[in-house]
Structure formats: structure tokens, C-alpha cells
Amino acid sequence: MRPVHRRLFYITIFLLGLGWTVLSRPQAGSVTIGRIPAPQVGFLAPAFTLTDLSGQGVELADTQGQVVLLNFWASWCPPCRAEMPAIERVYRNYRDQGLVVLAVNASFQDPPADMQAFLSSLAYSFPVLRDERGTVNRLYAITSLPTTFFIGRDGTIREVVIGGPLTEAGISARVEALLREAP
């Protein structure tokens, strides 16, 4: 191949590649990253409905516009038990500013009597939800307890903490940062 033909060939390949790049880019508003539900930072928190201890249905969607601390726990889990009083104190301090705490008990592996005995030892005021079939634990890919999701006012997961116990200062710092964000 002659040098002139070779240059024309490379220029043609370059221009075709450039044209493909320009024509195949996503249109404004068509990218879904972060706007689809997934149990990871930067994505919308997956929707669910569970019942609380009084049998009332609670939906995550009802918390839209509020900061949510979503905690997965069980009564047989020592770090879960250790962080519950701190979660309660933070909830009492910030609930009037827009904090919602949803404590999802792994009821599919936590006997109801054990859960009730633990909860009666703690004067809690946040909703405790029962995941009797483990569907929400699977939806959120829970592999270790406790696991805590910090969710912003727009429903996006901002942080996931696996393990514990979380301290009151650590929870407060995360919640304050989320409360300062614009709705």
C-alpha cells in the first residue's frame, strides 16, 4: 500500500470512529446511573413494605423528603444490641429535623420472643419492622449484621456501614451531614 493510500485509510478509520463516538453518545437525560434502585452508594434505595410490631404496613416510599437511617439487625447479634441505644438517642435528637429510623429485624432468623425480650429492655421510639421471610434482607444484599444504610432526602443511598457497633457520635455526624443537604 502506498503511503498516500495508507494515510487516507487511517484518516478514514479515524473519522469513522469519531463519527461513531459522537452519534452513539447518550442523549441528555437518558442516563439512568443512580436513578435506578440498587442497594449501593449512589443509587436509589430499593422500595419495600414491611409490617411494624403492631401489624401496620410501613413503606420506604413514605419517607421521601426525609433522611433515613435503615438498620438491619437481630437480637442475637451483640454489635446490633450495642448500637441500638445510640440509634435511639440520635433518633430522639434529630427526628424533629427530618430523621427517620427504620430498624429491620431479621425475623426470619430471630425468634419473636427473643426480639421482644430485647426490645422491652430498651425504651425505643423508632419503628421496628419485621422481615419474616428475609425478602428485604435479600433485596439489600445483607450478608452481615448489623448493616446500616444512610439515605438522603432524595432517596439515594449515601453510605453503607457493614458491621458495628456504630457510636452515637458517628451516627450523629452522618445524620447532620445529610440533614444539611438541600432537599
C-alpha atoms as a PDB file:
ATOM      1  CA  MET A   1       0.000   0.000   0.000  1.00  0.00           C
ATOM      2  CA  ARG A   2       1.346   3.413  -0.947  1.00  0.00           C
ATOM      3  CA  PRO A   3       1.999   5.987   1.776  1.00  0.00           C
ATOM      4  CA  VAL A   4      -0.737   8.250   0.386  1.00  0.00           C
ATOM      5  CA  HIS A   5      -3.278   5.422   0.440  1.00  0.00           C
ATOM      6  CA  ARG A   6      -2.173   4.407   3.906  1.00  0.00           C
ATOM      7  CA  ARG A   7      -2.730   7.958   5.218  1.00  0.00           C
ATOM      8  CA  LEU A   8      -6.158   8.114   3.584  1.00  0.00           C
ATOM      9  CA  PHE A   9      -7.018   4.740   5.095  1.00  0.00           C
ATOM     10  CA  TYR A  10      -6.032   5.878   8.619  1.00  0.00           C
ATOM     11  CA  ILE A  11      -7.827   9.207   8.244  1.00  0.00           C
ATOM     12  CA  THR A  12     -10.963   7.380   7.095  1.00  0.00           C
ATOM     13  CA  ILE A  13     -10.803   4.983  10.074  1.00  0.00           C
ATOM     14  CA  PHE A  14     -10.255   7.917  12.444  1.00  0.00           C
ATOM     15  CA  LEU A  15     -13.199   9.880  11.020  1.00  0.00           C
ATOM     16  CA  LEU A  16     -15.486   6.836  11.148  1.00  0.00           C
ATOM     17  CA  GLY A  17     -14.512   6.242  14.791  1.00  0.00           C
ATOM     18  CA  LEU A  18     -15.063   9.900  15.661  1.00  0.00           C
ATOM     19  CA  GLY A  19     -18.450   9.873  13.936  1.00  0.00           C
ATOM     20  CA  TRP A  20     -19.489   6.705  15.775  1.00  0.00           C
ATOM     21  CA  THR A  21     -18.438   8.214  19.101  1.00  0.00           C
ATOM     22  CA  VAL A  22     -20.453  11.392  18.525  1.00  0.00           C
ATOM     23  CA  LEU A  23     -23.543   9.629  17.207  1.00  0.00           C
ATOM     24  CA  SER A  24     -23.648   6.916  19.883  1.00  0.00           C
ATOM     25  CA  ARG A  25     -23.262   9.100  22.982  1.00  0.00           C
ATOM     26  CA  PRO A  26     -26.248   9.093  25.362  1.00  0.00           C
ATOM     27  CA  GLN A  27     -28.767  11.859  24.934  1.00  0.00           C
ATOM     28  CA  ALA A  28     -29.225  14.348  27.781  1.00  0.00           C
ATOM     29  CA  GLY A  29     -31.437  12.887  30.496  1.00  0.00           C
ATOM     30  CA  SER A  30     -31.182   9.328  29.184  1.00  0.00           C
ATOM     31  CA  VAL A  31     -28.515   8.076  31.614  1.00  0.00           C
ATOM     32  CA  THR A  32     -30.014   6.054  34.479  1.00  0.00           C
ATOM     33  CA  ILE A  33     -26.971   5.633  36.685  1.00  0.00           C
ATOM     34  CA  GLY A  34     -28.001   6.489  40.232  1.00  0.00           C
ATOM     35  CA  ARG A  35     -31.679   6.817  39.307  1.00  0.00           C
ATOM     36  CA  ILE A  36     -32.418   3.111  39.419  1.00  0.00           C
ATOM     37  CA  PRO A  37     -32.815   1.189  42.662  1.00  0.00           C
ATOM     38  CA  ALA A  38     -29.783  -0.769  43.872  1.00  0.00           C
ATOM     39  CA  PRO A  39     -28.516  -1.426  47.408  1.00  0.00           C
ATOM     40  CA  GLN A  40     -25.297   0.534  46.968  1.00  0.00           C
ATOM     41  CA  VAL A  41     -23.949   4.034  47.408  1.00  0.00           C
ATOM     42  CA  GLY A  42     -25.104   6.463  44.746  1.00  0.00           C
ATOM     43  CA  PHE A  43     -28.246   4.569  43.795  1.00  0.00           C
ATOM     44  CA  LEU A  44     -31.869   4.888  44.880  1.00  0.00           C
ATOM     45  CA  ALA A  45     -32.722   2.772  47.901  1.00  0.00           C
ATOM     46  CA  PRO A  46     -34.849  -0.184  46.755  1.00  0.00           C
ATOM     47  CA  ALA A  47     -38.515   0.182  47.705  1.00  0.00           C
ATOM     48  CA  PHE A  48     -40.088  -2.185  50.206  1.00  0.00           C
ATOM     49  CA  THR A  49     -43.057  -2.600  52.513  1.00  0.00           C
ATOM     50  CA  LEU A  50     -42.834  -4.409  55.852  1.00  0.00           C
ATOM     51  CA  THR A  51     -45.058  -4.565  58.907  1.00  0.00           C
ATOM     52  CA  ASP A  52     -44.158  -2.991  62.211  1.00  0.00           C
ATOM     53  CA  LEU A  53     -44.698  -4.685  65.563  1.00  0.00           C
ATOM     54  CA  SER A  54     -48.338  -3.583  65.685  1.00  0.00           C
ATOM     55  CA  GLY A  55     -49.017  -5.140  62.257  1.00  0.00           C
ATOM     56  CA  GLN A  56     -49.148  -1.809  60.422  1.00  0.00           C
ATOM     57  CA  GLY A  57     -47.571  -1.648  56.957  1.00  0.00           C
ATOM     58  CA  VAL A  58     -44.604   0.692  56.575  1.00  0.00           C
ATOM     59  CA  GLU A  59     -43.263   1.661  53.136  1.00  0.00           C
ATOM     60  CA  LEU A  60     -39.854   3.133  52.467  1.00  0.00           C
ATOM     61  CA  ALA A  61     -41.531   5.365  49.855  1.00  0.00           C
ATOM     62  CA  ASP A  62     -43.383   7.154  52.676  1.00  0.00           C
ATOM     63  CA  THR A  63     -40.064   8.591  53.895  1.00  0.00           C
ATOM     64  CA  GLN A  64     -39.375  10.561  50.688  1.00  0.00           C
ATOM     65  CA  GLY A  65     -38.006  14.005  51.549  1.00  0.00           C
ATOM     66  CA  GLN A  66     -36.555  12.835  54.863  1.00  0.00           C
ATOM     67  CA  VAL A  67     -33.174  11.482  55.905  1.00  0.00           C
ATOM     68  CA  VAL A  68     -33.404   7.747  56.622  1.00  0.00           C
ATOM     69  CA  LEU A  69     -31.234   5.545  58.780  1.00  0.00           C
ATOM     70  CA  LEU A  70     -32.099   1.998  57.674  1.00  0.00           C
ATOM     71  CA  ASN A  71     -30.642  -0.519  60.119  1.00  0.00           C
ATOM     72  CA  PHE A  72     -30.690  -4.308  59.667  1.00  0.00           C
ATOM     73  CA  TRP A  73     -30.320  -6.158  62.979  1.00  0.00           C
ATOM     74  CA  ALA A  74     -31.153  -9.220  65.106  1.00  0.00           C
ATOM     75  CA  SER A  75     -31.428  -9.702  68.860  1.00  0.00           C
ATOM     76  CA  TRP A  76     -28.759 -12.449  68.872  1.00  0.00           C
ATOM     77  CA  CYS A  77     -26.203 -10.048  67.328  1.00  0.00           C
ATOM     78  CA  PRO A  78     -24.010  -8.404  70.038  1.00  0.00           C
ATOM     79  CA  PRO A  79     -22.960  -5.358  67.913  1.00  0.00           C
ATOM     80  CA  CYS A  80     -26.631  -4.840  66.958  1.00  0.00           C
ATOM     81  CA  ARG A  81     -27.624  -4.815  70.613  1.00  0.00           C
ATOM     82  CA  ALA A  82     -24.746  -2.479  71.478  1.00  0.00           C
ATOM     83  CA  GLU A  83     -25.630   0.185  68.878  1.00  0.00           C
ATOM     84  CA  MET A  84     -29.408   0.296  69.449  1.00  0.00           C
ATOM     85  CA  PRO A  85     -29.249   2.750  72.394  1.00  0.00           C
ATOM     86  CA  ALA A  86     -27.071   5.103  70.299  1.00  0.00           C
ATOM     87  CA  ILE A  87     -29.513   4.888  67.385  1.00  0.00           C
ATOM     88  CA  GLU A  88     -32.371   5.692  69.766  1.00  0.00           C
ATOM     89  CA  ARG A  89     -30.591   8.761  71.203  1.00  0.00           C
ATOM     90  CA  VAL A  90     -29.751  10.078  67.728  1.00  0.00           C
ATOM     91  CA  TYR A  91     -33.328   9.486  66.593  1.00  0.00           C
ATOM     92  CA  ARG A  92     -34.714  11.443  69.550  1.00  0.00           C
ATOM     93  CA  ASN A  93     -32.285  14.298  68.879  1.00  0.00           C
ATOM     94  CA  TYR A  94     -32.986  14.617  65.134  1.00  0.00           C
ATOM     95  CA  ARG A  95     -36.471  13.277  64.388  1.00  0.00           C
ATOM     96  CA  ASP A  96     -37.996  16.769  64.511  1.00  0.00           C
ATOM     97  CA  GLN A  97     -35.456  17.867  61.881  1.00  0.00           C
ATOM     98  CA  GLY A  98     -36.454  15.142  59.418  1.00  0.00           C
ATOM     99  CA  LEU A  99     -34.667  11.952  60.516  1.00  0.00           C
ATOM    100  CA  VAL A 100     -36.493   8.643  60.131  1.00  0.00           C
ATOM    101  CA  VAL A 101     -35.103   5.439  61.611  1.00  0.00           C
ATOM    102  CA  LEU A 102     -36.322   2.116  60.256  1.00  0.00           C
ATOM    103  CA  ALA A 103     -34.933  -0.854  62.187  1.00  0.00           C
ATOM    104  CA  VAL A 104     -35.437  -4.021  60.124  1.00  0.00           C
ATOM    105  CA  ASN A 105     -35.315  -7.099  62.314  1.00  0.00           C
ATOM    106  CA  ALA A 106     -34.108 -10.283  60.626  1.00  0.00           C
ATOM    107  CA  SER A 107     -37.258 -12.025  61.859  1.00  0.00           C
ATOM    108  CA  PHE A 108     -36.685 -14.971  59.538  1.00  0.00           C
ATOM    109  CA  GLN A 109     -33.755 -15.928  61.790  1.00  0.00           C
ATOM    110  CA  ASP A 110     -34.636 -14.179  65.076  1.00  0.00           C
ATOM    111  CA  PRO A 111     -37.290 -15.835  67.270  1.00  0.00           C
ATOM    112  CA  PRO A 112     -40.116 -13.386  68.097  1.00  0.00           C
ATOM    113  CA  ALA A 113     -39.780 -13.997  71.851  1.00  0.00           C
ATOM    114  CA  ASP A 114     -36.062 -13.126  71.754  1.00  0.00           C
ATOM    115  CA  MET A 115     -36.695  -9.992  69.716  1.00  0.00           C
ATOM    116  CA  GLN A 116     -39.499  -8.861  72.059  1.00  0.00           C
ATOM    117  CA  ALA A 117     -37.398  -9.538  75.173  1.00  0.00           C
ATOM    118  CA  PHE A 118     -34.563  -7.413  73.813  1.00  0.00           C
ATOM    119  CA  LEU A 119     -36.856  -4.581  72.694  1.00  0.00           C
ATOM    120  CA  SER A 120     -38.652  -4.476  76.050  1.00  0.00           C
ATOM    121  CA  SER A 121     -35.285  -3.813  77.713  1.00  0.00           C
ATOM    122  CA  LEU A 122     -34.873  -0.686  75.570  1.00  0.00           C
ATOM    123  CA  ALA A 123     -37.284   2.230  75.514  1.00  0.00           C
ATOM    124  CA  TYR A 124     -37.203   2.671  71.747  1.00  0.00           C
ATOM    125  CA  SER A 125     -39.383   5.129  69.820  1.00  0.00           C
ATOM    126  CA  PHE A 126     -38.440   4.388  66.200  1.00  0.00           C
ATOM    127  CA  PRO A 127     -40.312   1.843  64.044  1.00  0.00           C
ATOM    128  CA  VAL A 128     -39.130  -1.747  64.263  1.00  0.00           C
ATOM    129  CA  LEU A 129     -40.050  -3.683  61.130  1.00  0.00           C
ATOM    130  CA  ARG A 130     -40.237  -7.450  60.786  1.00  0.00           C
ATOM    131  CA  ASP A 131     -38.652  -9.150  57.781  1.00  0.00           C
ATOM    132  CA  GLU A 132     -40.204 -12.571  58.374  1.00  0.00           C
ATOM    133  CA  ARG A 133     -39.299 -14.077  55.004  1.00  0.00           C
ATOM    134  CA  GLY A 134     -35.953 -12.347  54.547  1.00  0.00           C
ATOM    135  CA  THR A 135     -37.092 -10.660  51.334  1.00  0.00           C
ATOM    136  CA  VAL A 136     -35.833  -7.196  52.269  1.00  0.00           C
ATOM    137  CA  ASN A 137     -32.572  -8.632  53.614  1.00  0.00           C
ATOM    138  CA  ARG A 138     -32.069 -10.291  50.212  1.00  0.00           C
ATOM    139  CA  LEU A 139     -33.196  -7.146  48.354  1.00  0.00           C
ATOM    140  CA  TYR A 140     -30.493  -5.173  50.172  1.00  0.00           C
ATOM    141  CA  ALA A 141     -27.923  -7.998  49.840  1.00  0.00           C
ATOM    142  CA  ILE A 142     -27.382  -8.190  53.607  1.00  0.00           C
ATOM    143  CA  THR A 143     -24.544 -10.570  54.424  1.00  0.00           C
ATOM    144  CA  SER A 144     -23.608  -9.314  57.882  1.00  0.00           C
ATOM    145  CA  LEU A 145     -25.428  -7.811  60.845  1.00  0.00           C
ATOM    146  CA  PRO A 146     -25.672  -5.046  61.691  1.00  0.00           C
ATOM    147  CA  THR A 147     -25.730  -3.259  58.369  1.00  0.00           C
ATOM    148  CA  THR A 148     -26.811   0.369  58.228  1.00  0.00           C
ATOM    149  CA  PHE A 149     -27.780   2.430  55.191  1.00  0.00           C
ATOM    150  CA  PHE A 150     -27.761   6.232  55.368  1.00  0.00           C
ATOM    151  CA  ILE A 151     -30.250   7.537  52.799  1.00  0.00           C
ATOM    152  CA  GLY A 152     -30.534  11.174  51.687  1.00  0.00           C
ATOM    153  CA  ARG A 153     -33.726  13.176  51.299  1.00  0.00           C
ATOM    154  CA  ASP A 154     -33.836  12.303  47.584  1.00  0.00           C
ATOM    155  CA  GLY A 155     -33.901   8.570  48.353  1.00  0.00           C
ATOM    156  CA  THR A 156     -30.298   7.969  47.288  1.00  0.00           C
ATOM    157  CA  ILE A 157     -28.054   5.794  49.444  1.00  0.00           C
ATOM    158  CA  ARG A 158     -25.179   7.969  50.658  1.00  0.00           C
ATOM    159  CA  GLU A 159     -23.296   5.475  52.828  1.00  0.00           C
ATOM    160  CA  VAL A 160     -23.432   1.823  53.842  1.00  0.00           C
ATOM    161  CA  VAL A 161     -21.825   0.671  57.083  1.00  0.00           C
ATOM    162  CA  ILE A 162     -21.385  -3.080  57.451  1.00  0.00           C
ATOM    163  CA  GLY A 163     -20.721  -4.214  60.987  1.00  0.00           C
ATOM    164  CA  GLY A 164     -20.727  -2.286  64.183  1.00  0.00           C
ATOM    165  CA  PRO A 165     -21.453  -1.140  66.685  1.00  0.00           C
ATOM    166  CA  LEU A 166     -21.810   2.406  65.442  1.00  0.00           C
ATOM    167  CA  THR A 167     -21.187   5.113  68.010  1.00  0.00           C
ATOM    168  CA  GLU A 168     -23.590   7.922  68.804  1.00  0.00           C
ATOM    169  CA  ALA A 169     -21.031  10.476  67.589  1.00  0.00           C
ATOM    170  CA  GLY A 170     -20.510   8.597  64.322  1.00  0.00           C
ATOM    171  CA  ILE A 171     -24.239   8.291  63.662  1.00  0.00           C
ATOM    172  CA  SER A 172     -24.847  11.942  64.566  1.00  0.00           C
ATOM    173  CA  ALA A 173     -22.105  13.181  62.231  1.00  0.00           C
ATOM    174  CA  ARG A 174     -23.545  11.234  59.295  1.00  0.00           C
ATOM    175  CA  VAL A 175     -27.112  12.324  60.041  1.00  0.00           C
ATOM    176  CA  GLU A 176     -26.157  16.002  60.468  1.00  0.00           C
ATOM    177  CA  ALA A 177     -24.353  15.984  57.116  1.00  0.00           C
ATOM    178  CA  LEU A 178     -27.420  14.518  55.395  1.00  0.00           C
ATOM    179  CA  LEU A 179     -29.792  16.934  57.127  1.00  0.00           C
ATOM    180  CA  ARG A 180     -27.697  19.878  55.865  1.00  0.00           C
ATOM    181  CA  GLU A 181     -28.141  18.773  52.249  1.00  0.00           C
ATOM    182  CA  ALA A 182     -30.746  20.649  50.270  1.00  0.00           C
ATOM    183  CA  PRO A 183     -33.998  18.737  49.793  1.00  0.00           C
END
